[in-house]
Amino acid sequence: MKFGATGKFPAGKLNETDKGEIVCGISYDMENDLIRIEFGTPLTWMAMEPEHAADFANTILNKVKLSNALKL
């Protein structure tokens, strides 16, 4: 999967700096013990509806739980 801007604006264009929808990946890097978020493009800000923010946060928390489970 390719990360980065899709060129779509599912919530409409918020302002002139809005680059639209971003496809990102969230993973656990076991070797360096880090949660990695890959955006595929430089970002200065991001916004999302509360439902999507909760999903984003839960995905990060699930990677943290995975990292903890793998350390046992």
N, C-alpha and C. Protein backbone atom coordinates (compact mmCIF):
# COMPACT_ATOMS: atom_id res chain seq x y z
N MET A 1 0.84 -1.18 0.00
CA MET A 1 0.00 0.00 0.00
C MET A 1 0.88 1.24 0.00
N LYS A 2 0.51 2.22 -0.76
CA LYS A 2 1.25 3.48 -0.85
C LYS A 2 0.67 4.46 0.16
N PHE A 3 1.56 5.06 0.97
CA PHE A 3 1.15 6.06 1.94
C PHE A 3 1.28 7.44 1.34
N GLY A 4 0.43 8.36 1.80
CA GLY A 4 0.50 9.75 1.36
C GLY A 4 -0.86 10.28 0.97
N ALA A 5 -0.84 11.44 0.35
CA ALA A 5 -2.07 12.12 -0.05
C ALA A 5 -2.78 11.35 -1.16
N THR A 6 -4.10 11.29 -1.07
CA THR A 6 -4.90 10.60 -2.09
C THR A 6 -5.50 11.55 -3.11
N GLY A 7 -5.47 12.85 -2.80
CA GLY A 7 -6.10 13.84 -3.67
C GLY A 7 -7.59 13.98 -3.42
N LYS A 8 -8.11 13.25 -2.43
CA LYS A 8 -9.54 13.32 -2.09
C LYS A 8 -9.72 14.22 -0.87
N PHE A 9 -10.89 14.81 -0.76
CA PHE A 9 -11.24 15.68 0.36
C PHE A 9 -12.59 15.23 0.92
N PRO A 10 -12.60 14.12 1.68
CA PRO A 10 -13.86 13.55 2.14
C PRO A 10 -14.67 14.47 3.06
N ALA A 11 -14.04 15.40 3.75
CA ALA A 11 -14.75 16.35 4.61
C ALA A 11 -14.80 17.73 3.98
N GLY A 12 -14.46 17.82 2.70
CA GLY A 12 -14.35 19.11 2.03
C GLY A 12 -12.99 19.73 2.33
N LYS A 13 -12.60 20.71 1.54
CA LYS A 13 -11.31 21.36 1.74
C LYS A 13 -11.47 22.40 2.86
N LEU A 14 -10.70 22.21 3.95
CA LEU A 14 -10.86 23.06 5.13
C LEU A 14 -10.26 24.44 4.96
N ASN A 15 -9.13 24.53 4.25
CA ASN A 15 -8.49 25.82 3.95
C ASN A 15 -7.47 25.60 2.83
N GLU A 16 -6.75 26.67 2.48
CA GLU A 16 -5.83 26.58 1.34
C GLU A 16 -4.62 25.67 1.61
N THR A 17 -4.35 25.34 2.87
CA THR A 17 -3.23 24.44 3.17
C THR A 17 -3.65 22.98 3.29
N ASP A 18 -4.94 22.72 3.15
CA ASP A 18 -5.45 21.35 3.26
C ASP A 18 -5.00 20.54 2.06
N LYS A 19 -4.27 19.45 2.32
CA LYS A 19 -3.79 18.57 1.25
C LYS A 19 -4.70 17.37 1.05
N GLY A 20 -5.79 17.32 1.81
CA GLY A 20 -6.75 16.25 1.63
C GLY A 20 -6.41 15.01 2.43
N GLU A 21 -7.12 13.96 2.07
CA GLU A 21 -7.00 12.68 2.76
C GLU A 21 -5.58 12.13 2.68
N ILE A 22 -5.12 11.55 3.78
CA ILE A 22 -3.79 10.93 3.84
C ILE A 22 -3.97 9.46 4.21
N VAL A 23 -3.34 8.59 3.46
CA VAL A 23 -3.28 7.18 3.83
C VAL A 23 -1.99 7.00 4.63
N CYS A 24 -2.13 6.47 5.85
CA CYS A 24 -0.94 6.27 6.68
C CYS A 24 -0.91 4.85 7.21
N GLY A 25 0.24 4.47 7.71
CA GLY A 25 0.41 3.15 8.31
C GLY A 25 0.94 3.29 9.72
N ILE A 26 0.47 2.42 10.61
CA ILE A 26 0.93 2.41 11.99
C ILE A 26 1.44 1.01 12.29
N SER A 27 2.68 0.94 12.75
CA SER A 27 3.28 -0.37 13.00
C SER A 27 4.14 -0.33 14.27
N TYR A 28 4.50 -1.52 14.73
CA TYR A 28 5.43 -1.65 15.85
C TYR A 28 6.76 -2.14 15.32
N ASP A 29 7.81 -1.37 15.57
CA ASP A 29 9.17 -1.71 15.17
C ASP A 29 9.83 -2.42 16.36
N MET A 30 9.85 -3.75 16.31
CA MET A 30 10.40 -4.55 17.41
C MET A 30 11.88 -4.28 17.65
N GLU A 31 12.63 -4.12 16.58
CA GLU A 31 14.08 -3.95 16.69
C GLU A 31 14.44 -2.71 17.50
N ASN A 32 13.69 -1.62 17.29
CA ASN A 32 13.98 -0.36 17.98
C ASN A 32 12.99 -0.04 19.09
N ASP A 33 12.03 -0.92 19.31
CA ASP A 33 10.99 -0.74 20.33
C ASP A 33 10.28 0.60 20.18
N LEU A 34 9.77 0.84 18.96
CA LEU A 34 9.09 2.10 18.64
C LEU A 34 7.76 1.84 17.94
N ILE A 35 6.79 2.70 18.20
CA ILE A 35 5.57 2.72 17.41
C ILE A 35 5.84 3.68 16.26
N ARG A 36 5.71 3.19 15.04
CA ARG A 36 6.03 4.00 13.85
C ARG A 36 4.76 4.39 13.13
N ILE A 37 4.65 5.68 12.81
CA ILE A 37 3.52 6.18 12.03
C ILE A 37 4.10 6.76 10.75
N GLU A 38 3.75 6.16 9.63
CA GLU A 38 4.27 6.57 8.32
C GLU A 38 3.17 7.31 7.57
N PHE A 39 3.41 8.59 7.27
CA PHE A 39 2.43 9.40 6.56
C PHE A 39 2.68 9.46 5.06
N GLY A 40 3.89 9.21 4.64
CA GLY A 40 4.20 9.21 3.22
C GLY A 40 4.38 10.60 2.62
N THR A 41 4.24 11.62 3.44
CA THR A 41 4.38 13.00 2.99
C THR A 41 4.60 13.89 4.20
N PRO A 42 5.30 15.02 4.04
CA PRO A 42 5.44 15.93 5.18
C PRO A 42 4.06 16.52 5.56
N LEU A 43 3.84 16.66 6.86
CA LEU A 43 2.59 17.22 7.35
C LEU A 43 2.88 18.40 8.26
N THR A 44 2.04 19.42 8.18
CA THR A 44 2.12 20.52 9.15
C THR A 44 0.95 20.44 10.12
N TRP A 45 -0.14 19.81 9.71
CA TRP A 45 -1.29 19.61 10.59
C TRP A 45 -2.14 18.49 10.02
N MET A 46 -3.01 17.97 10.88
CA MET A 46 -3.99 16.99 10.42
C MET A 46 -5.25 17.17 11.23
N ALA A 47 -6.36 16.85 10.62
CA ALA A 47 -7.66 16.97 11.28
C ALA A 47 -8.51 15.79 10.86
N MET A 48 -9.40 15.37 11.76
CA MET A 48 -10.30 14.27 11.44
C MET A 48 -11.52 14.36 12.33
N GLU A 49 -12.57 13.71 11.87
CA GLU A 49 -13.78 13.65 12.67
C GLU A 49 -13.50 12.86 13.94
N PRO A 50 -14.23 13.14 15.03
CA PRO A 50 -13.98 12.44 16.30
C PRO A 50 -13.97 10.92 16.17
N GLU A 51 -14.86 10.37 15.37
CA GLU A 51 -14.90 8.91 15.18
C GLU A 51 -13.58 8.38 14.61
N HIS A 52 -13.04 9.10 13.62
CA HIS A 52 -11.78 8.68 13.01
C HIS A 52 -10.61 8.92 13.96
N ALA A 53 -10.68 9.98 14.75
CA ALA A 53 -9.63 10.23 15.75
C ALA A 53 -9.60 9.10 16.77
N ALA A 54 -10.76 8.63 17.18
CA ALA A 54 -10.83 7.51 18.13
C ALA A 54 -10.24 6.25 17.50
N ASP A 55 -10.55 5.99 16.24
CA ASP A 55 -9.99 4.82 15.54
C ASP A 55 -8.46 4.93 15.44
N PHE A 56 -7.97 6.12 15.12
CA PHE A 56 -6.54 6.37 15.00
C PHE A 56 -5.85 6.11 16.35
N ALA A 57 -6.43 6.66 17.41
CA ALA A 57 -5.88 6.47 18.76
C ALA A 57 -5.92 5.01 19.17
N ASN A 58 -7.01 4.32 18.88
CA ASN A 58 -7.12 2.89 19.23
C ASN A 58 -6.10 2.05 18.48
N THR A 59 -5.85 2.39 17.23
CA THR A 59 -4.85 1.66 16.46
C THR A 59 -3.47 1.83 17.08
N ILE A 60 -3.14 3.05 17.50
CA ILE A 60 -1.87 3.28 18.16
C ILE A 60 -1.81 2.50 19.48
N LEU A 61 -2.88 2.56 20.27
CA LEU A 61 -2.90 1.83 21.53
C LEU A 61 -2.78 0.33 21.34
N ASN A 62 -3.37 -0.20 20.28
CA ASN A 62 -3.25 -1.63 19.99
C ASN A 62 -1.80 -2.01 19.67
N LYS A 63 -1.07 -1.12 19.00
CA LYS A 63 0.35 -1.39 18.72
C LYS A 63 1.16 -1.35 20.02
N VAL A 64 0.77 -0.46 20.94
CA VAL A 64 1.44 -0.42 22.25
C VAL A 64 1.19 -1.73 23.00
N LYS A 65 -0.05 -2.20 22.98
CA LYS A 65 -0.39 -3.48 23.64
C LYS A 65 0.41 -4.62 23.01
N LEU A 66 0.54 -4.60 21.69
CA LEU A 66 1.33 -5.63 21.00
C LEU A 66 2.79 -5.56 21.47
N SER A 67 3.33 -4.37 21.55
CA SER A 67 4.73 -4.24 21.98
C SER A 67 4.90 -4.79 23.40
N ASN A 68 3.96 -4.50 24.27
CA ASN A 68 4.03 -5.00 25.65
C ASN A 68 3.91 -6.52 25.69
N ALA A 69 3.01 -7.08 24.89
CA ALA A 69 2.82 -8.54 24.86
C ALA A 69 4.06 -9.25 24.35
N LEU A 70 4.73 -8.66 23.38
CA LEU A 70 5.93 -9.30 22.81
C LEU A 70 7.13 -9.24 23.76
N LYS A 71 7.06 -8.36 24.75
CA LYS A 71 8.17 -8.24 25.71
C LYS A 71 8.05 -9.22 26.85
N LEU A 72 6.89 -9.87 27.00
CA LEU A 72 6.67 -10.81 28.12
C LEU A 72 7.45 -12.08 27.94
